[in-house]
């Protein structure tokens, strides 16, 4: 199985509010990281500590998944918690496995 780094062409930290890429909706959501795989998939990644599950998180998950469904097959969105299982979100281990396959 390839390592995670072997599947990633590059990544960058998204700039903060008002200066980086945002998913526009009821709220403007600025995912933490932008990743491009060697196969050309673009991934927006929002990271959360397990204790940061709240109503804002649920709205960001909904907005990110809607963006992904409209953006097309070459785009992915992941809300990532370290270990906590949150509806619509992923754990870190799940996302690592998914990115390796992309």
C-alpha atoms as a PDB file:
ATOM      1  CA  UNK A   1       0.000   0.000   0.000  1.00  0.00           C
ATOM      2  CA  UNK A   2       1.442   3.427  -0.901  1.00  0.00           C
ATOM      3  CA  UNK A   3       2.149   5.912   1.842  1.00  0.00           C
ATOM      4  CA  UNK A   4      -0.012   9.003   2.188  1.00  0.00           C
ATOM      5  CA  UNK A   5       2.776  11.287   1.009  1.00  0.00           C
ATOM      6  CA  UNK A   6       3.261   9.277  -2.174  1.00  0.00           C
ATOM      7  CA  UNK A   7      -0.289  10.103  -3.314  1.00  0.00           C
ATOM      8  CA  UNK A   8      -0.058  13.856  -2.541  1.00  0.00           C
ATOM      9  CA  UNK A   9       1.435  16.208  -5.130  1.00  0.00           C
ATOM     10  CA  UNK A  10       1.256  19.201  -2.773  1.00  0.00           C
ATOM     11  CA  UNK A  11      -0.785  20.779  -0.012  1.00  0.00           C
ATOM     12  CA  UNK A  12      -1.162  24.237   1.467  1.00  0.00           C
ATOM     13  CA  UNK A  13      -2.714  25.832   4.497  1.00  0.00           C
ATOM     14  CA  UNK A  14      -5.730  27.871   3.443  1.00  0.00           C
ATOM     15  CA  UNK A  15      -5.585  31.522   4.422  1.00  0.00           C
ATOM     16  CA  UNK A  16      -7.834  32.898   7.130  1.00  0.00           C
ATOM     17  CA  UNK A  17     -11.219  34.531   6.765  1.00  0.00           C
ATOM     18  CA  UNK A  18     -11.468  37.055   3.972  1.00  0.00           C
ATOM     19  CA  UNK A  19      -8.125  36.109   2.381  1.00  0.00           C
ATOM     20  CA  UNK A  20      -8.334  32.439   1.447  1.00  0.00           C
ATOM     21  CA  UNK A  21     -10.618  30.104  -0.462  1.00  0.00           C
ATOM     22  CA  UNK A  22     -14.086  29.862   1.010  1.00  0.00           C
ATOM     23  CA  UNK A  23     -17.166  27.802   0.378  1.00  0.00           C
ATOM     24  CA  UNK A  24     -19.947  30.377   0.290  1.00  0.00           C
ATOM     25  CA  UNK A  25     -23.228  29.629   1.955  1.00  0.00           C
ATOM     26  CA  UNK A  26     -25.262  30.780   4.923  1.00  0.00           C
ATOM     27  CA  UNK A  27     -21.825  31.019   6.489  1.00  0.00           C
ATOM     28  CA  UNK A  28     -18.526  31.392   4.650  1.00  0.00           C
ATOM     29  CA  UNK A  29     -16.499  28.276   5.371  1.00  0.00           C
ATOM     30  CA  UNK A  30     -12.701  28.452   5.030  1.00  0.00           C
ATOM     31  CA  UNK A  31     -11.394  24.848   5.146  1.00  0.00           C
ATOM     32  CA  UNK A  32      -8.016  24.520   6.884  1.00  0.00           C
ATOM     33  CA  UNK A  33      -6.084  22.776   4.105  1.00  0.00           C
ATOM     34  CA  UNK A  34      -6.122  22.366   0.327  1.00  0.00           C
ATOM     35  CA  UNK A  35      -4.538  19.168  -1.015  1.00  0.00           C
ATOM     36  CA  UNK A  36      -3.860  18.125  -4.611  1.00  0.00           C
ATOM     37  CA  UNK A  37      -3.165  14.463  -5.308  1.00  0.00           C
ATOM     38  CA  UNK A  38      -0.847  13.228  -8.045  1.00  0.00           C
ATOM     39  CA  UNK A  39      -3.957  11.995  -9.881  1.00  0.00           C
ATOM     40  CA  UNK A  40      -5.366  15.534  -9.912  1.00  0.00           C
ATOM     41  CA  UNK A  41      -7.978  15.252  -7.167  1.00  0.00           C
ATOM     42  CA  UNK A  42      -8.502  18.430  -5.144  1.00  0.00           C
ATOM     43  CA  UNK A  43      -9.322  17.951  -1.489  1.00  0.00           C
ATOM     44  CA  UNK A  44     -10.574  20.547   0.973  1.00  0.00           C
ATOM     45  CA  UNK A  45      -9.865  19.448   4.517  1.00  0.00           C
ATOM     46  CA  UNK A  46     -11.290  20.932   7.726  1.00  0.00           C
ATOM     47  CA  UNK A  47      -9.710  19.625  10.914  1.00  0.00           C
ATOM     48  CA  UNK A  48     -11.372  19.636  14.321  1.00  0.00           C
ATOM     49  CA  UNK A  49     -10.318  18.541  17.773  1.00  0.00           C
ATOM     50  CA  UNK A  50     -12.745  16.030  19.231  1.00  0.00           C
ATOM     51  CA  UNK A  51     -14.136  18.588  21.713  1.00  0.00           C
ATOM     52  CA  UNK A  52     -15.116  21.069  18.939  1.00  0.00           C
ATOM     53  CA  UNK A  53     -18.270  19.284  17.761  1.00  0.00           C
ATOM     54  CA  UNK A  54     -21.067  21.898  17.731  1.00  0.00           C
ATOM     55  CA  UNK A  55     -23.854  23.336  15.553  1.00  0.00           C
ATOM     56  CA  UNK A  56     -21.323  25.308  13.487  1.00  0.00           C
ATOM     57  CA  UNK A  57     -19.592  22.027  12.695  1.00  0.00           C
ATOM     58  CA  UNK A  58     -22.824  20.462  11.412  1.00  0.00           C
ATOM     59  CA  UNK A  59     -23.429  23.455   9.107  1.00  0.00           C
ATOM     60  CA  UNK A  60     -19.869  23.288   7.746  1.00  0.00           C
ATOM     61  CA  UNK A  61     -20.254  19.551   7.048  1.00  0.00           C
ATOM     62  CA  UNK A  62     -23.524  20.184   5.199  1.00  0.00           C
ATOM     63  CA  UNK A  63     -22.010  23.056   3.196  1.00  0.00           C
ATOM     64  CA  UNK A  64     -18.798  21.140   2.383  1.00  0.00           C
ATOM     65  CA  UNK A  65     -20.701  18.079   1.197  1.00  0.00           C
ATOM     66  CA  UNK A  66     -23.005  20.229  -0.939  1.00  0.00           C
ATOM     67  CA  UNK A  67     -19.952  21.927  -2.507  1.00  0.00           C
ATOM     68  CA  UNK A  68     -18.413  18.528  -3.232  1.00  0.00           C
ATOM     69  CA  UNK A  69     -21.597  17.254  -4.893  1.00  0.00           C
ATOM     70  CA  UNK A  70     -21.735  20.325  -7.167  1.00  0.00           C
ATOM     71  CA  UNK A  71     -17.979  20.543  -7.893  1.00  0.00           C
ATOM     72  CA  UNK A  72     -17.630  17.177  -9.610  1.00  0.00           C
ATOM     73  CA  UNK A  73     -15.732  13.912  -9.366  1.00  0.00           C
ATOM     74  CA  UNK A  74     -12.268  15.468  -9.045  1.00  0.00           C
ATOM     75  CA  UNK A  75     -13.153  17.282  -5.811  1.00  0.00           C
ATOM     76  CA  UNK A  76     -13.501  16.068  -2.245  1.00  0.00           C
ATOM     77  CA  UNK A  77     -14.390  17.647   1.074  1.00  0.00           C
ATOM     78  CA  UNK A  78     -13.614  16.159   4.462  1.00  0.00           C
ATOM     79  CA  UNK A  79     -14.391  17.347   7.972  1.00  0.00           C
ATOM     80  CA  UNK A  80     -11.894  15.418  10.090  1.00  0.00           C
ATOM     81  CA  UNK A  81     -11.986  14.686  13.793  1.00  0.00           C
ATOM     82  CA  UNK A  82      -9.106  12.947  15.514  1.00  0.00           C
ATOM     83  CA  UNK A  83     -11.108   9.979  16.833  1.00  0.00           C
ATOM     84  CA  UNK A  84     -14.660  11.197  17.529  1.00  0.00           C
ATOM     85  CA  UNK A  85     -17.362   9.847  15.244  1.00  0.00           C
ATOM     86  CA  UNK A  86     -19.588  12.723  14.103  1.00  0.00           C
ATOM     87  CA  UNK A  87     -22.402  12.245  11.547  1.00  0.00           C
ATOM     88  CA  UNK A  88     -21.145  13.336   8.122  1.00  0.00           C
ATOM     89  CA  UNK A  89     -17.547  13.735   9.291  1.00  0.00           C
ATOM     90  CA  UNK A  90     -14.558  11.403   9.166  1.00  0.00           C
ATOM     91  CA  UNK A  91     -11.898  10.266  11.576  1.00  0.00           C
ATOM     92  CA  UNK A  92      -8.266  10.917  10.768  1.00  0.00           C
ATOM     93  CA  UNK A  93      -7.632   7.247  10.005  1.00  0.00           C
ATOM     94  CA  UNK A  94     -10.537   7.166   7.512  1.00  0.00           C
ATOM     95  CA  UNK A  95      -9.272  10.205   5.612  1.00  0.00           C
ATOM     96  CA  UNK A  96      -5.691   8.939   5.448  1.00  0.00           C
ATOM     97  CA  UNK A  97      -6.937   5.715   3.849  1.00  0.00           C
ATOM     98  CA  UNK A  98      -9.150   7.626   1.405  1.00  0.00           C
ATOM     99  CA  UNK A  99      -6.384  10.011   0.311  1.00  0.00           C
ATOM    100  CA  UNK A 100      -4.026   7.099  -0.235  1.00  0.00           C
ATOM    101  CA  UNK A 101      -6.546   5.633  -2.683  1.00  0.00           C
ATOM    102  CA  UNK A 102      -7.027   8.903  -4.580  1.00  0.00           C
END
